[in-house]
Amino acid sequence: MKYRFMNDHRHLYSLVLMCRVLQVARAGFYDWLNKPLSDRAIENQRLVGLIRDSYVASGGVYGSNRVFGDLREAGETCGRHRVARLMRANKSRRYVATRCLTRSPAGRQSSLPIVSTENSLSTHPIKLGSRTSPISEPGKVGITWLL
């Protein structure tokens, strides 16, 4: 911020005076002038490209946790919160609540398909809100079932 201010007002005040008042080194200003983006900003731009590739490859449905997992599998070293922050900043994910997707177009609760396992003798569909449904409580969203 200081360097940007100094660059915008170079024609009004001397650089030596602004460096003294703002308590910055003149060499630091010239370094910033030759390389305005920091190393972290450059790394963030590279990560945004990888995040966008992973997001598009998923069909636009992966959230930050799954994109983070994809990046870790690819050998990238970054944090989960950093991925979430970059996704929010670049608007590559819109929030969709899971329970909104379980309603039928008419507004009624629909039943889930029958899951058949070796020990399951039930042929009745699993009703939403029951103890065996993926969404067993009204407030819970995003539970993944591994069958």
Protein backbone atom coordinates (compact mmCIF):
# COMPACT_ATOMS: atom_id res chain seq x y z
CA MET A 1 0.00 0.00 0.00
CA LYS A 2 2.80 2.42 0.84
CA TYR A 3 4.66 1.66 -2.36
CA ARG A 4 1.53 2.14 -4.45
CA PHE A 5 0.92 5.49 -2.75
CA MET A 6 4.51 6.49 -3.44
CA ASN A 7 4.25 5.49 -7.08
CA ASP A 8 1.00 7.45 -7.54
CA HIS A 9 2.45 10.63 -5.97
CA ARG A 10 6.02 10.57 -7.35
CA HIS A 11 5.34 13.60 -9.51
CA LEU A 12 4.12 15.69 -6.53
CA TYR A 13 6.70 14.86 -3.83
CA SER A 14 10.29 13.73 -3.85
CA LEU A 15 10.91 10.05 -3.38
CA VAL A 16 13.45 10.63 -0.62
CA LEU A 17 10.92 12.66 1.38
CA MET A 18 8.15 10.06 0.99
CA CYS A 19 10.54 7.26 2.03
CA ARG A 20 11.50 9.19 5.16
CA VAL A 21 7.89 10.04 6.10
CA LEU A 22 6.51 6.55 5.37
CA GLN A 23 9.58 4.86 6.93
CA VAL A 24 10.41 2.60 4.01
CA ALA A 25 13.63 1.94 2.18
CA ARG A 26 14.13 3.41 -1.25
CA ALA A 27 15.59 0.11 -2.43
CA GLY A 28 12.41 -1.66 -1.35
CA PHE A 29 10.35 0.72 -3.47
CA TYR A 30 12.50 0.07 -6.52
CA ASP A 31 12.28 -3.70 -5.94
CA TRP A 32 8.50 -3.40 -5.80
CA LEU A 33 8.52 -1.24 -8.92
CA ASN A 34 10.35 -3.95 -10.90
CA LYS A 35 8.32 -6.83 -9.45
CA PRO A 36 4.88 -5.63 -8.30
CA LEU A 37 3.50 -9.12 -7.48
CA SER A 38 4.86 -10.95 -4.46
CA ASP A 39 5.98 -14.58 -4.60
CA ARG A 40 2.84 -15.61 -2.74
CA ALA A 41 0.60 -13.76 -5.22
CA ILE A 42 2.34 -15.52 -8.11
CA GLU A 43 1.93 -18.89 -6.34
CA ASN A 44 -1.76 -18.10 -5.72
CA GLN A 45 -2.28 -17.43 -9.43
CA ARG A 46 -0.69 -20.79 -10.25
CA LEU A 47 -2.87 -22.55 -7.66
CA VAL A 48 -6.01 -20.86 -9.00
CA GLY A 49 -5.25 -22.40 -12.40
CA LEU A 50 -4.91 -25.87 -10.85
CA ILE A 51 -8.07 -25.36 -8.76
CA ARG A 52 -10.02 -24.28 -11.83
CA ASP A 53 -8.80 -27.38 -13.74
CA SER A 54 -9.88 -29.69 -10.92
CA TYR A 55 -13.23 -27.92 -10.57
CA VAL A 56 -13.98 -28.11 -14.28
CA ALA A 57 -12.90 -31.77 -14.45
CA SER A 58 -15.43 -32.58 -11.72
CA GLY A 59 -18.23 -31.04 -13.73
CA GLY A 60 -18.42 -28.04 -11.41
CA VAL A 61 -19.58 -29.97 -8.37
CA TYR A 62 -16.44 -30.33 -6.23
CA GLY A 63 -16.13 -28.14 -3.17
CA SER A 64 -12.93 -26.94 -1.58
CA ASN A 65 -12.33 -30.16 0.37
CA ARG A 66 -12.40 -32.39 -2.70
CA VAL A 67 -10.40 -29.93 -4.78
CA PHE A 68 -7.87 -29.85 -1.93
CA GLY A 69 -7.72 -33.67 -2.07
CA ASP A 70 -7.12 -33.55 -5.82
CA LEU A 71 -4.29 -31.07 -5.35
CA ARG A 72 -2.71 -33.22 -2.64
CA GLU A 73 -2.89 -36.28 -4.91
CA ALA A 74 -1.15 -34.26 -7.62
CA GLY A 75 1.67 -33.49 -5.16
CA GLU A 76 0.85 -29.87 -4.37
CA THR A 77 1.59 -28.57 -0.89
CA CYS A 78 -1.05 -26.09 0.20
CA GLY A 79 -3.61 -25.84 2.95
CA ARG A 80 -7.31 -26.65 2.83
CA HIS A 81 -8.26 -23.16 4.02
CA ARG A 82 -6.07 -21.56 1.36
CA VAL A 83 -7.88 -23.55 -1.34
CA ALA A 84 -11.25 -22.48 0.12
CA ARG A 85 -10.15 -18.83 0.25
CA LEU A 86 -8.92 -18.89 -3.34
CA MET A 87 -12.13 -20.56 -4.52
CA ARG A 88 -14.23 -17.93 -2.73
CA ALA A 89 -12.11 -15.10 -4.12
CA ASN A 90 -12.45 -16.42 -7.67
CA LYS A 91 -16.12 -17.41 -7.31
CA SER A 92 -15.54 -20.90 -8.68
CA ARG A 93 -18.04 -22.57 -6.35
CA ARG A 94 -21.58 -21.63 -5.52
CA TYR A 95 -23.13 -22.92 -2.29
CA VAL A 96 -25.84 -25.53 -2.71
CA ALA A 97 -27.40 -27.06 0.39
CA THR A 98 -27.77 -30.83 0.14
CA ARG A 99 -31.24 -30.96 1.68
CA CYS A 100 -32.60 -28.65 -1.04
CA LEU A 101 -31.69 -31.28 -3.60
CA THR A 102 -33.77 -33.96 -1.88
CA ARG A 103 -37.09 -32.29 -2.62
CA SER A 104 -39.14 -33.28 -5.63
CA PRO A 105 -40.26 -30.55 -8.07
CA ALA A 106 -43.75 -30.59 -6.54
CA GLY A 107 -42.26 -29.76 -3.12
CA ARG A 108 -42.96 -33.17 -1.57
CA GLN A 109 -40.23 -35.29 -0.03
CA SER A 110 -39.18 -38.04 -2.37
CA SER A 111 -38.02 -41.50 -1.38
CA LEU A 112 -34.54 -42.74 -2.03
CA PRO A 113 -33.91 -45.82 -4.18
CA ILE A 114 -33.71 -49.20 -2.53
CA VAL A 115 -30.19 -50.16 -1.52
CA SER A 116 -29.67 -53.90 -1.71
CA THR A 117 -26.89 -55.56 0.26
CA GLU A 118 -26.31 -59.18 1.22
CA ASN A 119 -27.96 -58.80 4.63
CA SER A 120 -30.80 -56.53 3.47
CA LEU A 121 -34.16 -58.23 3.02
CA SER A 122 -36.15 -55.00 2.95
CA THR A 123 -37.80 -54.03 -0.31
CA HIS A 124 -39.29 -50.78 0.98
CA PRO A 125 -37.73 -47.52 -0.11
CA ILE A 126 -35.89 -45.51 2.52
CA LYS A 127 -37.92 -42.44 3.47
CA LEU A 128 -36.18 -39.14 4.01
CA GLY A 129 -35.96 -38.21 7.65
CA SER A 130 -35.88 -41.83 8.85
CA ARG A 131 -32.97 -43.06 10.93
CA THR A 132 -31.51 -44.98 7.99
CA SER A 133 -31.65 -42.20 5.42
CA PRO A 134 -28.54 -40.27 4.43
CA ILE A 135 -30.15 -37.15 5.90
CA SER A 136 -31.49 -38.33 9.24
CA GLU A 137 -31.86 -34.93 10.88
CA PRO A 138 -33.32 -31.77 9.35
CA GLY A 139 -30.20 -29.74 10.12
CA LYS A 140 -27.62 -32.17 8.77
CA VAL A 141 -26.35 -31.66 5.25
CA GLY A 142 -23.64 -33.26 3.17
CA ILE A 143 -23.34 -36.75 4.64
CA THR A 144 -21.63 -39.24 2.36
CA TRP A 145 -22.55 -42.89 2.54
CA LEU A 146 -20.00 -45.48 1.53
CA LEU A 147 -21.70 -48.68 0.41
